[in-house]
């Protein structure tokens, strides 16, 4: 099965880095005020590198602006959104989840912009890629809920990173997931039924949002990937960190390459003043190949 993961072909192939980018992708930042007088908006460099080198697009960082930002103007001028991972958790008030145990792990400003951008992307068919916290934001934004502590749920594994292990183990592909037969991810994995991925999260999907369909699950039944049902473009969330070690994992690269294809298509349509709605992608309506 690990051979399947290693040999999963990236049909789309990494896009060459040329002088002209094929579309604009905004990467949603986390807000950090640990240094008190030097608050910052942060996103990992791996996302920037993946967007530029694999997607072939221009990466721009979107600050954690909170609720009420002019999302329509933003989406008028870009071609894709990445919801990054982060140390913080979505505030449970956004899914009627009660009170948070640890308020130090909250990021209200990130919640605001991420939830609003997610809904707008789905409504306007803008390519959307949610990673780790990002898949959780997609689920909450569209009406679902989360488990605040997955490892405390009956019959569930501990999906958190083993911080007592070397970094190569923490970030390694140590969890098996099963891909939905005939789904988008199975197509990107060159037909593999199972692949190995990393796992670094404490929270996870509880009640699945109505507009979402499951693309992958872990051995304990934990939802590991979703897509927006019926979307004519790439609108996918994954629970693992697909931006890690893309040079080693064909499947991770294939995800970014497929996202890049959708971004390039959106940029072309935007330049022509066309609506992306109803576009047939990869031979399947509502799926991406």
C-alpha atoms as a PDB file:
ATOM      1  CA  UNK A   1       0.000   0.000   0.000  1.00  0.00           C
ATOM      2  CA  UNK A   2       2.918   2.324   0.655  1.00  0.00           C
ATOM      3  CA  UNK A   3       4.087   1.523  -2.863  1.00  0.00           C
ATOM      4  CA  UNK A   4       0.706   2.759  -4.113  1.00  0.00           C
ATOM      5  CA  UNK A   5       1.330   6.050  -2.314  1.00  0.00           C
ATOM      6  CA  UNK A   6       4.866   6.349  -3.671  1.00  0.00           C
ATOM      7  CA  UNK A   7       3.847   5.496  -7.228  1.00  0.00           C
ATOM      8  CA  UNK A   8       0.624   7.523  -7.377  1.00  0.00           C
ATOM      9  CA  UNK A   9       1.138   9.406 -10.636  1.00  0.00           C
ATOM     10  CA  UNK A  10       0.716  13.144 -10.801  1.00  0.00           C
ATOM     11  CA  UNK A  11      -1.175  13.244 -14.110  1.00  0.00           C
ATOM     12  CA  UNK A  12      -1.292  17.010 -14.150  1.00  0.00           C
ATOM     13  CA  UNK A  13       2.422  17.373 -13.497  1.00  0.00           C
ATOM     14  CA  UNK A  14       4.117  20.274 -11.709  1.00  0.00           C
ATOM     15  CA  UNK A  15       3.706  23.509 -13.625  1.00  0.00           C
ATOM     16  CA  UNK A  16       6.964  25.162 -14.681  1.00  0.00           C
ATOM     17  CA  UNK A  17       7.757  28.426 -12.945  1.00  0.00           C
ATOM     18  CA  UNK A  18       7.684  30.981 -15.713  1.00  0.00           C
ATOM     19  CA  UNK A  19       7.751  34.736 -15.748  1.00  0.00           C
ATOM     20  CA  UNK A  20       3.972  34.979 -15.898  1.00  0.00           C
ATOM     21  CA  UNK A  21       1.800  33.318 -13.277  1.00  0.00           C
ATOM     22  CA  UNK A  22      -1.395  31.505 -14.247  1.00  0.00           C
ATOM     23  CA  UNK A  23      -3.758  33.200 -11.832  1.00  0.00           C
ATOM     24  CA  UNK A  24      -3.670  34.689  -8.351  1.00  0.00           C
ATOM     25  CA  UNK A  25      -4.089  32.612  -5.199  1.00  0.00           C
ATOM     26  CA  UNK A  26      -4.628  34.159  -1.781  1.00  0.00           C
ATOM     27  CA  UNK A  27      -3.328  32.262   1.226  1.00  0.00           C
ATOM     28  CA  UNK A  28      -5.343  32.970   4.383  1.00  0.00           C
ATOM     29  CA  UNK A  29      -3.088  33.959   7.288  1.00  0.00           C
ATOM     30  CA  UNK A  30      -3.269  33.287  10.994  1.00  0.00           C
ATOM     31  CA  UNK A  31      -3.149  36.202  13.431  1.00  0.00           C
ATOM     32  CA  UNK A  32      -0.435  36.057  16.060  1.00  0.00           C
ATOM     33  CA  UNK A  33       0.115  38.457  18.948  1.00  0.00           C
ATOM     34  CA  UNK A  34       2.489  36.395  21.076  1.00  0.00           C
ATOM     35  CA  UNK A  35       5.053  39.184  21.012  1.00  0.00           C
ATOM     36  CA  UNK A  36       2.504  41.751  22.274  1.00  0.00           C
ATOM     37  CA  UNK A  37       3.943  44.832  20.585  1.00  0.00           C
ATOM     38  CA  UNK A  38       4.764  42.995  17.346  1.00  0.00           C
ATOM     39  CA  UNK A  39       1.530  41.292  16.262  1.00  0.00           C
ATOM     40  CA  UNK A  40       1.734  39.597  12.883  1.00  0.00           C
ATOM     41  CA  UNK A  41      -0.214  37.795  10.173  1.00  0.00           C
ATOM     42  CA  UNK A  42       1.448  34.507   9.321  1.00  0.00           C
ATOM     43  CA  UNK A  43       1.381  31.762   6.732  1.00  0.00           C
ATOM     44  CA  UNK A  44       3.901  28.969   6.248  1.00  0.00           C
ATOM     45  CA  UNK A  45       6.403  29.290   3.447  1.00  0.00           C
ATOM     46  CA  UNK A  46       5.491  25.800   2.220  1.00  0.00           C
ATOM     47  CA  UNK A  47       2.149  27.167   0.994  1.00  0.00           C
ATOM     48  CA  UNK A  48       3.851  29.971  -0.896  1.00  0.00           C
ATOM     49  CA  UNK A  49       6.307  27.565  -2.502  1.00  0.00           C
ATOM     50  CA  UNK A  50       3.594  25.065  -3.472  1.00  0.00           C
ATOM     51  CA  UNK A  51       1.412  27.750  -5.073  1.00  0.00           C
ATOM     52  CA  UNK A  52       4.309  29.152  -7.073  1.00  0.00           C
ATOM     53  CA  UNK A  53       6.140  25.994  -8.056  1.00  0.00           C
ATOM     54  CA  UNK A  54       3.355  23.426  -8.366  1.00  0.00           C
ATOM     55  CA  UNK A  55       0.268  25.514  -9.139  1.00  0.00           C
ATOM     56  CA  UNK A  56       2.192  27.990 -11.281  1.00  0.00           C
ATOM     57  CA  UNK A  57       0.187  30.834  -9.747  1.00  0.00           C
ATOM     58  CA  UNK A  58       1.029  34.063  -7.940  1.00  0.00           C
ATOM     59  CA  UNK A  59       0.698  33.627  -4.158  1.00  0.00           C
ATOM     60  CA  UNK A  60      -0.564  36.554  -2.088  1.00  0.00           C
ATOM     61  CA  UNK A  61      -1.073  36.555   1.676  1.00  0.00           C
ATOM     62  CA  UNK A  62      -4.510  37.525   2.976  1.00  0.00           C
ATOM     63  CA  UNK A  63      -4.389  39.043   6.494  1.00  0.00           C
ATOM     64  CA  UNK A  64      -6.684  37.720   9.199  1.00  0.00           C
ATOM     65  CA  UNK A  65      -9.128  40.598   8.799  1.00  0.00           C
ATOM     66  CA  UNK A  66     -11.961  39.232  10.908  1.00  0.00           C
ATOM     67  CA  UNK A  67     -15.617  39.458   9.972  1.00  0.00           C
ATOM     68  CA  UNK A  68     -16.928  42.163   7.654  1.00  0.00           C
ATOM     69  CA  UNK A  69     -14.113  42.331   5.095  1.00  0.00           C
ATOM     70  CA  UNK A  70     -14.995  43.202   1.494  1.00  0.00           C
ATOM     71  CA  UNK A  71     -14.894  39.611   0.297  1.00  0.00           C
ATOM     72  CA  UNK A  72     -16.686  40.327  -2.989  1.00  0.00           C
ATOM     73  CA  UNK A  73     -14.041  42.785  -4.132  1.00  0.00           C
ATOM     74  CA  UNK A  74     -11.370  40.289  -3.130  1.00  0.00           C
ATOM     75  CA  UNK A  75     -12.898  37.468  -5.159  1.00  0.00           C
ATOM     76  CA  UNK A  76     -13.435  39.776  -8.136  1.00  0.00           C
ATOM     77  CA  UNK A  77      -9.667  40.011  -8.439  1.00  0.00           C
ATOM     78  CA  UNK A  78      -8.292  36.573  -7.597  1.00  0.00           C
ATOM     79  CA  UNK A  79      -8.560  33.001  -8.861  1.00  0.00           C
ATOM     80  CA  UNK A  80      -8.229  30.739  -5.846  1.00  0.00           C
ATOM     81  CA  UNK A  81      -8.088  30.549  -2.046  1.00  0.00           C
ATOM     82  CA  UNK A  82      -6.051  28.331   0.257  1.00  0.00           C
ATOM     83  CA  UNK A  83      -7.250  27.927   3.835  1.00  0.00           C
ATOM     84  CA  UNK A  84      -4.056  27.054   5.675  1.00  0.00           C
ATOM     85  CA  UNK A  85      -3.464  25.057   8.805  1.00  0.00           C
ATOM     86  CA  UNK A  86      -2.516  26.665  12.088  1.00  0.00           C
ATOM     87  CA  UNK A  87      -2.085  26.158  15.814  1.00  0.00           C
ATOM     88  CA  UNK A  88      -5.467  27.724  16.623  1.00  0.00           C
ATOM     89  CA  UNK A  89      -8.925  26.153  16.572  1.00  0.00           C
ATOM     90  CA  UNK A  90     -12.214  27.386  15.128  1.00  0.00           C
ATOM     91  CA  UNK A  91     -14.205  28.894  18.010  1.00  0.00           C
ATOM     92  CA  UNK A  92     -16.962  26.405  18.957  1.00  0.00           C
ATOM     93  CA  UNK A  93     -19.582  29.166  19.035  1.00  0.00           C
ATOM     94  CA  UNK A  94     -19.581  28.995  15.247  1.00  0.00           C
ATOM     95  CA  UNK A  95     -21.012  25.464  15.366  1.00  0.00           C
ATOM     96  CA  UNK A  96     -22.902  25.456  18.687  1.00  0.00           C
ATOM     97  CA  UNK A  97     -20.103  23.467  20.267  1.00  0.00           C
ATOM     98  CA  UNK A  98     -20.227  24.946  23.748  1.00  0.00           C
ATOM     99  CA  UNK A  99     -17.355  26.697  25.449  1.00  0.00           C
ATOM    100  CA  UNK A 100     -13.729  26.208  24.410  1.00  0.00           C
ATOM    101  CA  UNK A 101     -11.452  24.581  26.974  1.00  0.00           C
ATOM    102  CA  UNK A 102      -8.389  26.601  26.036  1.00  0.00           C
ATOM    103  CA  UNK A 103      -8.997  30.192  24.946  1.00  0.00           C
ATOM    104  CA  UNK A 104      -5.306  30.578  24.095  1.00  0.00           C
ATOM    105  CA  UNK A 105      -5.902  28.350  21.065  1.00  0.00           C
ATOM    106  CA  UNK A 106      -8.469  30.658  19.453  1.00  0.00           C
ATOM    107  CA  UNK A 107      -8.069  33.081  16.558  1.00  0.00           C
ATOM    108  CA  UNK A 108     -11.236  35.126  16.098  1.00  0.00           C
ATOM    109  CA  UNK A 109      -9.760  37.226  13.320  1.00  0.00           C
ATOM    110  CA  UNK A 110      -8.827  34.156  11.331  1.00  0.00           C
ATOM    111  CA  UNK A 111     -12.284  32.662  11.959  1.00  0.00           C
ATOM    112  CA  UNK A 112     -13.994  35.738  10.558  1.00  0.00           C
ATOM    113  CA  UNK A 113     -12.185  36.046   7.253  1.00  0.00           C
ATOM    114  CA  UNK A 114     -11.907  32.290   6.667  1.00  0.00           C
ATOM    115  CA  UNK A 115     -15.572  31.475   7.253  1.00  0.00           C
ATOM    116  CA  UNK A 116     -16.789  34.374   5.105  1.00  0.00           C
ATOM    117  CA  UNK A 117     -14.332  33.690   2.286  1.00  0.00           C
ATOM    118  CA  UNK A 118     -15.269  30.009   2.281  1.00  0.00           C
ATOM    119  CA  UNK A 119     -18.974  30.708   1.852  1.00  0.00           C
ATOM    120  CA  UNK A 120     -18.283  33.259  -0.871  1.00  0.00           C
ATOM    121  CA  UNK A 121     -15.951  30.902  -2.777  1.00  0.00           C
ATOM    122  CA  UNK A 122     -18.561  28.157  -2.776  1.00  0.00           C
ATOM    123  CA  UNK A 123     -21.288  30.567  -3.886  1.00  0.00           C
ATOM    124  CA  UNK A 124     -19.149  32.061  -6.661  1.00  0.00           C
ATOM    125  CA  UNK A 125     -17.347  28.885  -7.793  1.00  0.00           C
ATOM    126  CA  UNK A 126     -13.882  30.182  -6.918  1.00  0.00           C
ATOM    127  CA  UNK A 127     -11.334  27.345  -6.498  1.00  0.00           C
ATOM    128  CA  UNK A 128     -10.896  26.527  -2.818  1.00  0.00           C
ATOM    129  CA  UNK A 129      -8.361  24.285  -1.073  1.00  0.00           C
ATOM    130  CA  UNK A 130      -8.713  23.746   2.684  1.00  0.00           C
ATOM    131  CA  UNK A 131      -5.827  22.148   4.582  1.00  0.00           C
ATOM    132  CA  UNK A 132      -6.008  20.925   8.213  1.00  0.00           C
ATOM    133  CA  UNK A 133      -7.731  23.871   9.953  1.00  0.00           C
ATOM    134  CA  UNK A 134      -8.982  24.686   6.461  1.00  0.00           C
ATOM    135  CA  UNK A 135     -11.123  21.559   6.076  1.00  0.00           C
ATOM    136  CA  UNK A 136     -12.588  22.266   9.510  1.00  0.00           C
ATOM    137  CA  UNK A 137     -13.407  25.834   8.447  1.00  0.00           C
ATOM    138  CA  UNK A 138     -15.087  24.548   5.295  1.00  0.00           C
ATOM    139  CA  UNK A 139     -17.254  22.197   7.334  1.00  0.00           C
ATOM    140  CA  UNK A 140     -18.214  24.852   9.891  1.00  0.00           C
ATOM    141  CA  UNK A 141     -18.818  27.578   7.297  1.00  0.00           C
ATOM    142  CA  UNK A 142     -21.248  25.318   5.434  1.00  0.00           C
ATOM    143  CA  UNK A 143     -23.196  24.187   8.495  1.00  0.00           C
ATOM    144  CA  UNK A 144     -21.266  21.305  10.040  1.00  0.00           C
ATOM    145  CA  UNK A 145     -19.680  20.815  13.471  1.00  0.00           C
ATOM    146  CA  UNK A 146     -16.398  19.643  14.973  1.00  0.00           C
ATOM    147  CA  UNK A 147     -15.099  17.377  17.704  1.00  0.00           C
ATOM    148  CA  UNK A 148     -12.909  19.588  19.875  1.00  0.00           C
ATOM    149  CA  UNK A 149     -10.765  16.637  20.986  1.00  0.00           C
ATOM    150  CA  UNK A 150     -10.844  13.701  18.587  1.00  0.00           C
ATOM    151  CA  UNK A 151      -8.704  11.438  20.771  1.00  0.00           C
ATOM    152  CA  UNK A 152     -11.350  11.565  23.508  1.00  0.00           C
ATOM    153  CA  UNK A 153     -14.039  10.153  21.227  1.00  0.00           C
ATOM    154  CA  UNK A 154     -14.839   6.429  21.553  1.00  0.00           C
ATOM    155  CA  UNK A 155     -13.071   4.209  19.019  1.00  0.00           C
ATOM    156  CA  UNK A 156     -10.984   7.048  17.585  1.00  0.00           C
ATOM    157  CA  UNK A 157      -7.219   7.227  17.319  1.00  0.00           C
ATOM    158  CA  UNK A 158      -5.033  10.008  18.607  1.00  0.00           C
ATOM    159  CA  UNK A 159      -4.430  12.034  15.436  1.00  0.00           C
ATOM    160  CA  UNK A 160      -2.132  14.564  17.094  1.00  0.00           C
ATOM    161  CA  UNK A 161       1.530  14.846  16.205  1.00  0.00           C
ATOM    162  CA  UNK A 162       3.862  12.769  18.436  1.00  0.00           C
ATOM    163  CA  UNK A 163       5.903  15.681  19.765  1.00  0.00           C
ATOM    164  CA  UNK A 164       8.328  13.363  21.550  1.00  0.00           C
ATOM    165  CA  UNK A 165       9.432  11.895  18.219  1.00  0.00           C
ATOM    166  CA  UNK A 166      11.946  13.288  15.702  1.00  0.00           C
ATOM    167  CA  UNK A 167      10.521  15.834  13.258  1.00  0.00           C
ATOM    168  CA  UNK A 168      10.799  13.434  10.332  1.00  0.00           C
ATOM    169  CA  UNK A 169       8.447  11.096  12.219  1.00  0.00           C
ATOM    170  CA  UNK A 170       6.060  13.877  13.258  1.00  0.00           C
ATOM    171  CA  UNK A 171       5.693  15.051   9.654  1.00  0.00           C
ATOM    172  CA  UNK A 172       5.930  11.639   8.077  1.00  0.00           C
ATOM    173  CA  UNK A 173       3.180   9.784   6.247  1.00  0.00           C
ATOM    174  CA  UNK A 174       2.199   7.515   9.144  1.00  0.00           C
ATOM    175  CA  UNK A 175      -1.594   7.298   8.759  1.00  0.00           C
ATOM    176  CA  UNK A 176      -3.517   5.214   6.253  1.00  0.00           C
ATOM    177  CA  UNK A 177      -6.620   6.669   4.647  1.00  0.00           C
ATOM    178  CA  UNK A 178      -9.143   5.028   2.331  1.00  0.00           C
ATOM    179  CA  UNK A 179     -10.265   6.983  -0.709  1.00  0.00           C
ATOM    180  CA  UNK A 180     -13.907   7.060  -1.790  1.00  0.00           C
ATOM    181  CA  UNK A 181     -14.303   4.776  -4.837  1.00  0.00           C
ATOM    182  CA  UNK A 182     -14.769   6.846  -7.972  1.00  0.00           C
ATOM    183  CA  UNK A 183     -14.045  10.070  -6.105  1.00  0.00           C
ATOM    184  CA  UNK A 184     -11.862  12.986  -7.061  1.00  0.00           C
ATOM    185  CA  UNK A 185      -9.018  12.007  -4.736  1.00  0.00           C
ATOM    186  CA  UNK A 186      -8.923   8.435  -5.986  1.00  0.00           C
ATOM    187  CA  UNK A 187      -8.607   9.827  -9.505  1.00  0.00           C
ATOM    188  CA  UNK A 188      -5.719  12.058  -8.420  1.00  0.00           C
ATOM    189  CA  UNK A 189      -4.093   9.065  -6.680  1.00  0.00           C
ATOM    190  CA  UNK A 190      -4.073   7.206 -10.002  1.00  0.00           C
ATOM    191  CA  UNK A 191      -6.803   4.837  -8.881  1.00  0.00           C
ATOM    192  CA  UNK A 192      -5.257   3.820  -5.555  1.00  0.00           C
ATOM    193  CA  UNK A 193      -7.773   2.761  -2.917  1.00  0.00           C
ATOM    194  CA  UNK A 194      -5.574   3.733   0.031  1.00  0.00           C
ATOM    195  CA  UNK A 195      -2.706   6.150   0.608  1.00  0.00           C
ATOM    196  CA  UNK A 196      -0.495   7.173   3.505  1.00  0.00           C
ATOM    197  CA  UNK A 197      -0.604  10.744   4.823  1.00  0.00           C
ATOM    198  CA  UNK A 198       0.652  12.707   7.824  1.00  0.00           C
ATOM    199  CA  UNK A 199      -1.588  13.458  10.791  1.00  0.00           C
ATOM    200  CA  UNK A 200      -1.093  16.482  13.063  1.00  0.00           C
ATOM    201  CA  UNK A 201      -4.522  17.514  14.329  1.00  0.00           C
ATOM    202  CA  UNK A 202      -6.488  17.403  17.572  1.00  0.00           C
ATOM    203  CA  UNK A 203      -9.872  18.454  16.193  1.00  0.00           C
ATOM    204  CA  UNK A 204     -11.901  16.919  13.391  1.00  0.00           C
ATOM    205  CA  UNK A 205     -15.256  16.791  11.661  1.00  0.00           C
ATOM    206  CA  UNK A 206     -18.205  15.639  13.752  1.00  0.00           C
ATOM    207  CA  UNK A 207     -21.408  16.453  11.824  1.00  0.00           C
ATOM    208  CA  UNK A 208     -20.688  16.752   8.108  1.00  0.00           C
ATOM    209  CA  UNK A 209     -22.055  19.891   6.462  1.00  0.00           C
ATOM    210  CA  UNK A 210     -24.878  19.261   4.002  1.00  0.00           C
ATOM    211  CA  UNK A 211     -23.080  20.577   0.894  1.00  0.00           C
ATOM    212  CA  UNK A 212     -20.042  18.353   1.484  1.00  0.00           C
ATOM    213  CA  UNK A 213     -19.307  14.798   0.402  1.00  0.00           C
ATOM    214  CA  UNK A 214     -16.671  12.528   1.923  1.00  0.00           C
ATOM    215  CA  UNK A 215     -13.580  11.859  -0.205  1.00  0.00           C
ATOM    216  CA  UNK A 216     -11.471   9.932   2.316  1.00  0.00           C
ATOM    217  CA  UNK A 217     -11.602   8.429   5.815  1.00  0.00           C
ATOM    218  CA  UNK A 218      -9.003   7.132   8.272  1.00  0.00           C
ATOM    219  CA  UNK A 219      -9.093   3.583   9.619  1.00  0.00           C
ATOM    220  CA  UNK A 220     -11.038   4.797  12.667  1.00  0.00           C
ATOM    221  CA  UNK A 221     -13.732   6.402  10.480  1.00  0.00           C
ATOM    222  CA  UNK A 222     -12.409   9.943  10.916  1.00  0.00           C
ATOM    223  CA  UNK A 223     -13.275  12.078   7.868  1.00  0.00           C
ATOM    224  CA  UNK A 224      -9.984  12.996   6.221  1.00  0.00           C
ATOM    225  CA  UNK A 225     -11.092  14.714   3.007  1.00  0.00           C
ATOM    226  CA  UNK A 226     -14.233  16.321   1.580  1.00  0.00           C
ATOM    227  CA  UNK A 227     -15.389  18.137  -1.514  1.00  0.00           C
ATOM    228  CA  UNK A 228     -18.249  20.498  -2.207  1.00  0.00           C
ATOM    229  CA  UNK A 229     -20.831  18.345  -3.975  1.00  0.00           C
ATOM    230  CA  UNK A 230     -21.748  19.574  -7.424  1.00  0.00           C
ATOM    231  CA  UNK A 231     -19.056  22.244  -7.548  1.00  0.00           C
ATOM    232  CA  UNK A 232     -17.845  22.859 -11.104  1.00  0.00           C
ATOM    233  CA  UNK A 233     -14.355  23.663  -9.856  1.00  0.00           C
ATOM    234  CA  UNK A 234     -11.791  22.442  -7.335  1.00  0.00           C
ATOM    235  CA  UNK A 235     -13.421  22.817  -3.915  1.00  0.00           C
ATOM    236  CA  UNK A 236     -11.711  20.311  -1.649  1.00  0.00           C
ATOM    237  CA  UNK A 237     -10.575  20.074   1.957  1.00  0.00           C
ATOM    238  CA  UNK A 238      -8.044  17.642   3.410  1.00  0.00           C
ATOM    239  CA  UNK A 239      -7.273  17.061   7.081  1.00  0.00           C
ATOM    240  CA  UNK A 240      -3.571  16.329   6.612  1.00  0.00           C
ATOM    241  CA  UNK A 241      -0.853  18.826   5.721  1.00  0.00           C
ATOM    242  CA  UNK A 242      -0.554  18.351   1.961  1.00  0.00           C
ATOM    243  CA  UNK A 243       1.978  21.185   1.755  1.00  0.00           C
ATOM    244  CA  UNK A 244       4.591  19.166   3.674  1.00  0.00           C
ATOM    245  CA  UNK A 245       7.263  17.369   1.658  1.00  0.00           C
ATOM    246  CA  UNK A 246       5.550  17.753  -1.691  1.00  0.00           C
ATOM    247  CA  UNK A 247       8.819  16.808  -3.369  1.00  0.00           C
ATOM    248  CA  UNK A 248       8.508  13.316  -1.846  1.00  0.00           C
ATOM    249  CA  UNK A 249       4.770  12.682  -2.301  1.00  0.00           C
ATOM    250  CA  UNK A 250       3.220  12.440  -5.751  1.00  0.00           C
ATOM    251  CA  UNK A 251      -0.260  12.461  -4.218  1.00  0.00           C
ATOM    252  CA  UNK A 252       0.341  15.716  -2.358  1.00  0.00           C
ATOM    253  CA  UNK A 253       1.710  17.320  -5.529  1.00  0.00           C
ATOM    254  CA  UNK A 254      -1.243  16.034  -7.533  1.00  0.00           C
ATOM    255  CA  UNK A 255      -3.630  17.873  -5.206  1.00  0.00           C
ATOM    256  CA  UNK A 256      -1.807  21.175  -5.688  1.00  0.00           C
ATOM    257  CA  UNK A 257      -1.478  20.580  -9.424  1.00  0.00           C
ATOM    258  CA  UNK A 258      -5.222  19.959  -9.767  1.00  0.00           C
ATOM    259  CA  UNK A 259      -5.908  23.083  -7.726  1.00  0.00           C
ATOM    260  CA  UNK A 260      -3.523  24.960 -10.023  1.00  0.00           C
ATOM    261  CA  UNK A 261      -5.403  23.718 -13.090  1.00  0.00           C
ATOM    262  CA  UNK A 262      -8.646  25.084 -11.655  1.00  0.00           C
ATOM    263  CA  UNK A 263      -6.955  28.391 -10.759  1.00  0.00           C
ATOM    264  CA  UNK A 264      -5.619  28.765 -14.306  1.00  0.00           C
ATOM    265  CA  UNK A 265      -9.063  28.026 -15.766  1.00  0.00           C
ATOM    266  CA  UNK A 266     -10.636  30.585 -13.449  1.00  0.00           C
ATOM    267  CA  UNK A 267      -8.021  33.199 -14.387  1.00  0.00           C
ATOM    268  CA  UNK A 268      -8.711  32.643 -18.078  1.00  0.00           C
ATOM    269  CA  UNK A 269     -12.467  32.915 -17.586  1.00  0.00           C
ATOM    270  CA  UNK A 270     -12.059  35.983 -15.371  1.00  0.00           C
ATOM    271  CA  UNK A 271      -9.934  37.623 -18.027  1.00  0.00           C
ATOM    272  CA  UNK A 272     -12.641  36.939 -20.579  1.00  0.00           C
ATOM    273  CA  UNK A 273     -15.385  38.142 -18.251  1.00  0.00           C
ATOM    274  CA  UNK A 274     -16.981  34.686 -18.093  1.00  0.00           C
ATOM    275  CA  UNK A 275     -18.793  32.965 -15.219  1.00  0.00           C
ATOM    276  CA  UNK A 276     -17.135  29.715 -14.118  1.00  0.00           C
ATOM    277  CA  UNK A 277     -20.441  28.169 -13.095  1.00  0.00           C
ATOM    278  CA  UNK A 278     -21.326  24.931 -14.878  1.00  0.00           C
ATOM    279  CA  UNK A 279     -17.840  24.345 -16.307  1.00  0.00           C
ATOM    280  CA  UNK A 280     -17.163  20.681 -16.975  1.00  0.00           C
ATOM    281  CA  UNK A 281     -13.877  19.782 -15.328  1.00  0.00           C
ATOM    282  CA  UNK A 282     -11.982  16.571 -15.906  1.00  0.00           C
ATOM    283  CA  UNK A 283     -14.858  14.824 -17.666  1.00  0.00           C
ATOM    284  CA  UNK A 284     -17.069  14.835 -14.541  1.00  0.00           C
ATOM    285  CA  UNK A 285     -19.595  17.506 -13.710  1.00  0.00           C
ATOM    286  CA  UNK A 286     -18.970  18.708 -10.202  1.00  0.00           C
ATOM    287  CA  UNK A 287     -15.621  16.944  -9.892  1.00  0.00           C
ATOM    288  CA  UNK A 288     -12.046  17.774 -10.689  1.00  0.00           C
ATOM    289  CA  UNK A 289      -9.528  15.464 -12.290  1.00  0.00           C
END
